[in-house]
Amino acid sequence: MVSLPEYVQAAWGRVRSDAVLLVLPVVGTALQFENALRVLRAGSGGGVTFTFPTGFATLWSFVNVPTPDGVFVRPVAFVVGLLVHAALTAVYVPRVVERVRPGRGEARVGAALSRYFAPVFGIALALAAFGLVLVAAGLALGPLVLLALPLVLAVGYALYAAPFLVVVEDRGAADAIERSVDLATDGGAYASYGGQYLLVVAVVSLPASTVVRAGVLSIALATLLAAPLAAALTAATAAFVADLVDGRFDRHDRGGDDGRPSSAPDRASDDAPRNPSDGRDARDDEGRGNHWMHENDRNSRDEDGADRNSRDEDGADRNSRDEDGADRNSRDDR
């Protein structure tokens, strides 16, 4: 069975010294200031939230934020927020992938933005469109919109790997979404990891949702405490998705009984990146090796043939010298 705690432990050793990965969740929390206003206006209380892995987690990923009265969608603010979140995700995911699987991500901010912003924004746009559909459904159905909550969880489950697949497998938005849905449909390790993550977030959200309602200082403290947790969980998910697409889980893990990883998650001492082309390279090397063996066999046979020809020529030379000696003896007898 996939172990989320093991992945978190291994991933934390890789990211705890990266200031960028620890600071960005704080920045993301501050930018979502409307959530802070909601919890402060709600007064005392709490709640629980259920969230599947995300490419960029903040304090609000672990808090049950009260729903505002009425539905207000400000187009400009909505688009700007979407762009900013996509940009932060496009920087965060490649950097965290590079930390847990060196050679497969991108730690440089500019390079990460230029390469991954477009597909990450495409995924965010698809999720936003789904959210707008739910908002419209809420306006039409009223209290019956609660029936859509399982659908929200289903979409979160099906697409949680998509931002990581953009980096790990260098996919576009549509390809990453399709690939994530395929992995979700297979279940196995994907379902096990997602379920454990969901449970961890639910447990953390119980005290977090209560603490943030105590005031501004409580929100600030919770923001600082949530940053390393967000970094560790995101890094763990990046490592897990990389292992999953690399086939590091045996067939039993795809909906089988015991579903164990074919090898344990990489520890801090295991820095060797896994490249999808390694298998092809190995096959190519094997093919080249067989070719070299055949060439050596042919060369050996050619050398043996040359040796035999040389010996035959030596024998012919000796026979020729014997015949010359016989001729001289015959002349001497005469």
Protein backbone atom coordinates (compact mmCIF):
# COMPACT_ATOMS: atom_id res chain seq x y z
CA MET A 1 0.00 0.00 0.00
CA VAL A 2 1.20 3.52 -0.79
CA SER A 3 2.30 5.36 2.34
CA LEU A 4 1.70 9.11 2.36
CA PRO A 5 3.68 9.60 5.62
CA GLU A 6 6.73 7.94 4.04
CA TYR A 7 6.51 10.20 1.01
CA VAL A 8 6.09 13.28 3.21
CA GLN A 9 9.08 12.32 5.35
CA ALA A 10 11.30 11.76 2.32
CA ALA A 11 10.06 14.88 0.51
CA TRP A 12 10.48 17.17 3.52
CA GLY A 13 14.18 16.36 3.61
CA ARG A 14 14.45 17.68 0.05
CA VAL A 15 12.47 20.93 0.38
CA ARG A 16 12.99 22.15 3.94
CA SER A 17 16.05 24.22 2.97
CA ASP A 18 14.42 25.80 -0.10
CA ALA A 19 13.27 29.27 0.97
CA VAL A 20 11.26 29.83 -2.21
CA LEU A 21 9.13 26.74 -1.62
CA LEU A 22 8.46 27.84 1.96
CA VAL A 23 7.75 31.50 1.20
CA LEU A 24 5.43 31.11 -1.81
CA PRO A 25 2.61 29.47 0.22
CA VAL A 26 2.73 32.48 2.55
CA VAL A 27 2.48 34.80 -0.45
CA GLY A 28 -0.40 32.79 -1.88
CA THR A 29 -2.25 32.91 1.44
CA ALA A 30 -1.84 36.69 1.66
CA LEU A 31 -3.08 37.21 -1.90
CA GLN A 32 -6.30 35.38 -1.06
CA PHE A 33 -7.19 38.07 1.48
CA GLU A 34 -10.92 37.71 0.77
CA ASN A 35 -10.81 34.36 2.54
CA ALA A 36 -9.36 36.08 5.60
CA LEU A 37 -12.22 38.59 5.55
CA ARG A 38 -14.77 35.80 5.37
CA VAL A 39 -13.44 33.87 8.36
CA LEU A 40 -13.13 37.06 10.43
CA ARG A 41 -16.69 38.10 9.62
CA ALA A 42 -18.00 34.63 10.44
CA GLY A 43 -16.90 34.92 14.06
CA SER A 44 -16.17 31.92 16.27
CA GLY A 45 -16.76 28.44 14.98
CA GLY A 46 -14.98 25.95 12.79
CA GLY A 47 -15.57 23.24 10.27
CA VAL A 48 -13.89 20.61 8.16
CA THR A 49 -12.76 20.57 4.54
CA PHE A 50 -11.98 17.77 2.12
CA THR A 51 -9.38 18.49 -0.53
CA PHE A 52 -7.38 16.30 -2.87
CA PRO A 53 -3.75 17.16 -3.75
CA THR A 54 -3.13 20.45 -5.50
CA GLY A 55 -0.17 21.92 -7.33
CA PHE A 56 -0.02 24.95 -5.04
CA ALA A 57 -1.32 24.64 -1.49
CA THR A 58 -1.78 27.53 0.95
CA LEU A 59 -3.32 27.96 4.39
CA TRP A 60 -6.75 28.10 2.77
CA SER A 61 -6.25 24.59 1.40
CA PHE A 62 -6.56 23.36 5.00
CA VAL A 63 -9.37 25.66 6.19
CA ASN A 64 -13.12 25.49 5.80
CA VAL A 65 -13.75 29.01 4.51
CA PRO A 66 -17.35 30.17 5.09
CA THR A 67 -19.43 30.61 1.97
CA PRO A 68 -20.45 34.25 1.42
CA ASP A 69 -24.10 35.24 1.36
CA GLY A 70 -25.14 35.40 -2.26
CA VAL A 71 -22.96 34.79 -5.30
CA PHE A 72 -20.82 37.59 -6.67
CA VAL A 73 -18.46 37.05 -9.60
CA ARG A 74 -16.32 40.07 -10.48
CA PRO A 75 -14.93 39.25 -13.93
CA VAL A 76 -11.74 41.30 -13.69
CA ALA A 77 -10.84 40.09 -10.21
CA PHE A 78 -11.71 36.54 -11.23
CA VAL A 79 -9.42 36.58 -14.27
CA VAL A 80 -6.57 38.29 -12.41
CA GLY A 81 -6.82 35.80 -9.56
CA LEU A 82 -6.77 32.93 -12.04
CA LEU A 83 -3.67 34.30 -13.78
CA VAL A 84 -1.81 34.87 -10.51
CA HIS A 85 -2.64 31.42 -9.17
CA ALA A 86 -1.56 29.79 -12.45
CA ALA A 87 1.71 31.74 -12.39
CA LEU A 88 2.48 30.69 -8.81
CA THR A 89 1.65 27.07 -9.65
CA ALA A 90 3.80 27.19 -12.80
CA VAL A 91 6.76 28.26 -10.65
CA TYR A 92 6.05 26.03 -7.67
CA VAL A 93 5.42 22.64 -9.28
CA PRO A 94 8.55 22.55 -11.52
CA ARG A 95 10.70 23.68 -8.60
CA VAL A 96 9.32 21.08 -6.21
CA VAL A 97 9.68 18.35 -8.87
CA GLU A 98 13.31 19.36 -9.36
CA ARG A 99 13.92 19.04 -5.62
CA VAL A 100 12.41 15.56 -5.22
CA ARG A 101 13.42 14.19 -8.64
CA PRO A 102 16.51 16.11 -9.81
CA GLY A 103 16.72 16.58 -13.55
CA ARG A 104 12.98 16.36 -14.19
CA GLY A 105 11.82 19.81 -13.09
CA GLU A 106 12.96 23.41 -13.30
CA ALA A 107 14.21 25.47 -10.35
CA ARG A 108 14.69 28.72 -12.29
CA VAL A 109 11.67 30.99 -11.96
CA GLY A 110 11.87 32.59 -15.40
CA ALA A 111 12.43 29.32 -17.23
CA ALA A 112 9.61 27.63 -15.34
CA LEU A 113 7.16 30.42 -16.14
CA SER A 114 7.99 30.50 -19.84
CA ARG A 115 7.73 26.74 -20.22
CA TYR A 116 4.88 25.72 -17.92
CA PHE A 117 2.58 28.70 -17.48
CA ALA A 118 0.45 27.99 -20.57
CA PRO A 119 -0.44 24.36 -19.76
CA VAL A 120 -0.93 25.10 -16.05
CA PHE A 121 -3.21 28.02 -16.93
CA GLY A 122 -5.15 25.72 -19.27
CA ILE A 123 -5.80 23.30 -16.41
CA ALA A 124 -6.80 26.15 -14.09
CA LEU A 125 -9.15 27.47 -16.77
CA ALA A 126 -10.83 24.08 -17.11
CA LEU A 127 -11.34 23.86 -13.34
CA ALA A 128 -12.63 27.43 -13.25
CA ALA A 129 -15.15 26.65 -15.99
CA PHE A 130 -16.36 23.70 -13.95
CA GLY A 131 -16.69 25.99 -10.93
CA LEU A 132 -18.77 28.49 -12.88
CA VAL A 133 -21.08 25.69 -13.98
CA LEU A 134 -21.56 24.77 -10.32
CA VAL A 135 -22.30 28.39 -9.46
CA ALA A 136 -24.95 28.51 -12.17
CA ALA A 137 -26.37 25.23 -10.89
CA GLY A 138 -26.46 26.65 -7.37
CA LEU A 139 -28.48 29.63 -8.55
CA ALA A 140 -30.91 27.33 -10.35
CA LEU A 141 -31.23 24.54 -7.79
CA GLY A 142 -30.91 26.38 -4.50
CA PRO A 143 -30.47 23.95 -1.57
CA LEU A 144 -30.27 21.03 -3.99
CA VAL A 145 -26.81 22.24 -5.01
CA LEU A 146 -25.49 20.18 -2.08
CA LEU A 147 -26.03 17.19 -4.32
CA ALA A 148 -23.16 18.52 -6.45
CA LEU A 149 -20.60 18.09 -3.66
CA PRO A 150 -19.79 14.47 -4.66
CA LEU A 151 -19.21 15.76 -8.18
CA VAL A 152 -16.77 18.37 -6.86
CA LEU A 153 -14.84 15.66 -5.03
CA ALA A 154 -14.89 13.43 -8.12
CA VAL A 155 -13.38 16.16 -10.29
CA GLY A 156 -10.77 16.98 -7.64
CA TYR A 157 -9.84 13.30 -7.47
CA ALA A 158 -9.69 12.80 -11.23
CA LEU A 159 -7.49 15.83 -11.92
CA TYR A 160 -5.18 16.11 -8.92
CA ALA A 161 -2.20 14.71 -10.84
CA ALA A 162 -2.64 16.99 -13.87
CA PRO A 163 -0.37 19.91 -12.78
CA PHE A 164 2.40 17.47 -11.89
CA LEU A 165 2.05 15.56 -15.17
CA VAL A 166 2.64 18.83 -17.04
CA VAL A 167 6.17 18.82 -15.59
CA VAL A 168 6.96 15.14 -14.98
CA GLU A 169 5.86 14.00 -18.45
CA ASP A 170 6.10 17.38 -20.23
CA ARG A 171 2.46 17.34 -21.31
CA GLY A 172 0.10 20.03 -22.48
CA ALA A 173 -3.06 20.90 -20.57
CA ALA A 174 -5.42 18.59 -22.47
CA ASP A 175 -2.96 15.68 -22.45
CA ALA A 176 -2.27 16.12 -18.73
CA ILE A 177 -5.99 16.15 -17.92
CA GLU A 178 -6.60 13.05 -20.03
CA ARG A 179 -3.64 11.24 -18.47
CA SER A 180 -4.76 12.16 -14.95
CA VAL A 181 -8.26 10.86 -15.63
CA ASP A 182 -6.78 7.58 -16.91
CA LEU A 183 -4.71 7.18 -13.75
CA ALA A 184 -7.74 7.99 -11.61
CA THR A 185 -9.82 5.42 -13.47
CA ASP A 186 -7.17 2.75 -12.88
CA GLY A 187 -7.45 3.40 -9.13
CA GLY A 188 -4.85 1.43 -7.17
CA ALA A 189 -1.97 3.57 -5.95
CA TYR A 190 -3.58 6.74 -7.33
CA ALA A 191 -6.76 6.18 -5.33
CA SER A 192 -4.87 5.11 -2.21
CA TYR A 193 -2.66 8.19 -2.17
CA GLY A 194 -5.57 10.53 -2.88
CA GLY A 195 -7.63 8.99 -0.09
CA GLN A 196 -4.82 9.36 2.44
CA TYR A 197 -4.26 12.97 1.40
CA LEU A 198 -7.98 13.70 1.75
CA LEU A 199 -7.97 12.25 5.27
CA VAL A 200 -4.89 14.25 6.34
CA VAL A 201 -6.43 17.51 5.12
CA ALA A 202 -9.68 16.74 6.92
CA VAL A 203 -7.85 16.10 10.21
CA VAL A 204 -5.72 19.25 9.89
CA SER A 205 -8.70 21.39 8.90
CA LEU A 206 -10.58 20.72 12.15
CA PRO A 207 -8.25 22.78 14.39
CA ALA A 208 -7.12 25.11 11.58
CA SER A 209 -10.66 26.20 10.74
CA THR A 210 -11.20 27.12 14.39
CA VAL A 211 -7.88 28.90 14.96
CA VAL A 212 -8.16 31.27 11.99
CA ARG A 213 -11.44 32.69 13.33
CA ALA A 214 -9.75 33.96 16.49
CA GLY A 215 -8.35 37.07 14.81
CA VAL A 216 -5.67 38.51 12.55
CA LEU A 217 -2.77 37.28 14.69
CA SER A 218 -4.18 33.76 14.62
CA ILE A 219 -4.39 33.90 10.83
CA ALA A 220 -0.78 35.10 10.65
CA LEU A 221 0.41 32.30 12.94
CA ALA A 222 -1.59 29.69 11.04
CA THR A 223 -0.13 30.98 7.76
CA LEU A 224 3.43 30.44 9.00
CA LEU A 225 2.62 26.97 10.33
CA ALA A 226 0.80 25.92 7.17
CA ALA A 227 3.64 26.89 4.82
CA PRO A 228 5.99 23.96 5.61
CA LEU A 229 3.05 21.55 5.64
CA ALA A 230 1.96 22.78 2.22
CA ALA A 231 5.50 22.43 0.86
CA ALA A 232 5.94 18.92 2.27
CA LEU A 233 2.59 17.65 0.97
CA THR A 234 3.09 19.16 -2.49
CA ALA A 235 6.60 17.70 -2.70
CA ALA A 236 5.29 14.31 -1.58
CA THR A 237 2.65 14.40 -4.32
CA ALA A 238 5.24 15.36 -6.93
CA ALA A 239 7.42 12.40 -5.92
CA PHE A 240 4.44 10.05 -5.90
CA VAL A 241 3.21 11.08 -9.35
CA ALA A 242 6.73 10.69 -10.75
CA ASP A 243 6.98 7.18 -9.27
CA LEU A 244 3.51 6.29 -10.53
CA VAL A 245 4.14 7.24 -14.16
CA ASP A 246 7.58 5.60 -14.02
CA GLY A 247 5.91 2.29 -13.18
CA ARG A 248 7.48 1.93 -9.75
CA PHE A 249 4.38 0.22 -8.39
CA ASP A 250 3.72 -3.42 -9.19
CA ARG A 251 0.63 -4.67 -10.95
CA HIS A 252 -1.08 -5.60 -7.70
CA ASP A 253 -1.18 -1.90 -6.88
CA ARG A 254 -3.56 -1.30 -9.76
CA GLY A 255 -6.63 -2.36 -7.88
CA GLY A 256 -5.07 -5.52 -6.43
CA ASP A 257 -5.07 -6.88 -2.92
CA ASP A 258 -1.83 -5.80 -1.33
CA GLY A 259 -0.71 -3.10 -3.75
CA ARG A 260 2.84 -2.40 -2.67
CA PRO A 261 5.30 -0.12 -4.37
CA SER A 262 7.84 -1.99 -6.41
CA SER A 263 10.40 0.05 -4.52
CA ALA A 264 10.17 2.43 -1.60
CA PRO A 265 9.97 6.19 -2.16
CA ASP A 266 13.27 7.84 -2.81
CA ARG A 267 15.05 8.94 0.34
CA ALA A 268 17.34 11.92 0.63
CA SER A 269 20.28 9.74 -0.27
CA ASP A 270 18.68 8.66 -3.54
CA ASP A 271 19.28 11.58 -5.85
CA ALA A 272 19.35 9.75 -9.17
CA PRO A 273 16.64 11.07 -11.49
CA ARG A 274 14.44 8.62 -13.29
CA ASN A 275 14.09 9.38 -16.97
CA PRO A 276 11.36 7.82 -19.11
CA SER A 277 13.95 7.34 -21.85
CA ASP A 278 16.10 5.12 -19.63
CA GLY A 279 14.21 2.04 -20.80
CA ARG A 280 14.71 2.96 -24.42
CA ASP A 281 18.39 3.67 -23.79
CA ALA A 282 18.78 0.32 -22.09
CA ARG A 283 17.14 -1.45 -25.00
CA ASP A 284 19.31 0.48 -27.45
CA ASP A 285 22.41 -0.41 -25.44
CA GLU A 286 21.35 -4.03 -25.41
CA GLY A 287 20.78 -3.95 -29.15
CA ARG A 288 24.13 -2.33 -29.73
CA GLY A 289 25.74 -4.89 -27.44
CA ASN A 290 24.28 -7.76 -29.45
CA HIS A 291 25.47 -6.11 -32.64
CA TRP A 292 28.97 -5.81 -31.22
CA MET A 293 28.88 -9.48 -30.17
CA HIS A 294 27.90 -10.55 -33.68
CA GLU A 295 30.64 -8.38 -35.15
CA ASN A 296 33.18 -9.93 -32.79
CA ASP A 297 32.00 -13.42 -33.77
CA ARG A 298 32.39 -12.61 -37.45
CA ASN A 299 35.79 -11.04 -36.87
CA SER A 300 36.87 -14.10 -34.89
CA ARG A 301 35.72 -16.43 -37.65
CA ASP A 302 37.50 -14.28 -40.24
CA GLU A 303 40.70 -14.40 -38.19
CA ASP A 304 40.39 -18.19 -37.85
CA GLY A 305 39.94 -18.45 -41.59
CA ALA A 306 42.96 -16.22 -42.15
CA ASP A 307 45.03 -18.40 -39.81
CA ARG A 308 44.02 -21.53 -41.69
CA ASN A 309 44.85 -19.88 -45.01
CA SER A 310 48.21 -18.81 -43.61
CA ARG A 311 48.94 -22.35 -42.44
CA ASP A 312 47.90 -23.72 -45.86
CA GLU A 313 50.23 -21.23 -47.55
CA ASP A 314 53.07 -22.25 -45.21
CA GLY A 315 52.41 -25.88 -46.07
CA ALA A 316 52.42 -25.06 -49.77
CA ASP A 317 55.76 -23.23 -49.34
CA ARG A 318 57.27 -26.22 -47.57
CA ASN A 319 56.00 -28.57 -50.31
CA SER A 320 57.47 -26.27 -52.93
CA ARG A 321 60.84 -26.26 -51.16
CA ASP A 322 60.72 -30.09 -50.86
CA GLU A 323 60.03 -30.39 -54.58
CA ASP A 324 62.97 -28.05 -55.35
CA GLY A 325 65.21 -30.16 -53.14
CA ALA A 326 64.06 -33.31 -54.93
CA ASP A 327 64.84 -31.76 -58.31
CA ARG A 328 68.35 -30.82 -57.19
CA ASN A 329 68.94 -34.36 -55.88
CA SER A 330 67.75 -35.79 -59.18
CA ARG A 331 70.19 -33.61 -61.11
CA ASP A 332 73.02 -34.57 -58.74
CA ASP A 333 72.27 -38.28 -59.34
CA ARG A 334 72.55 -37.75 -63.06
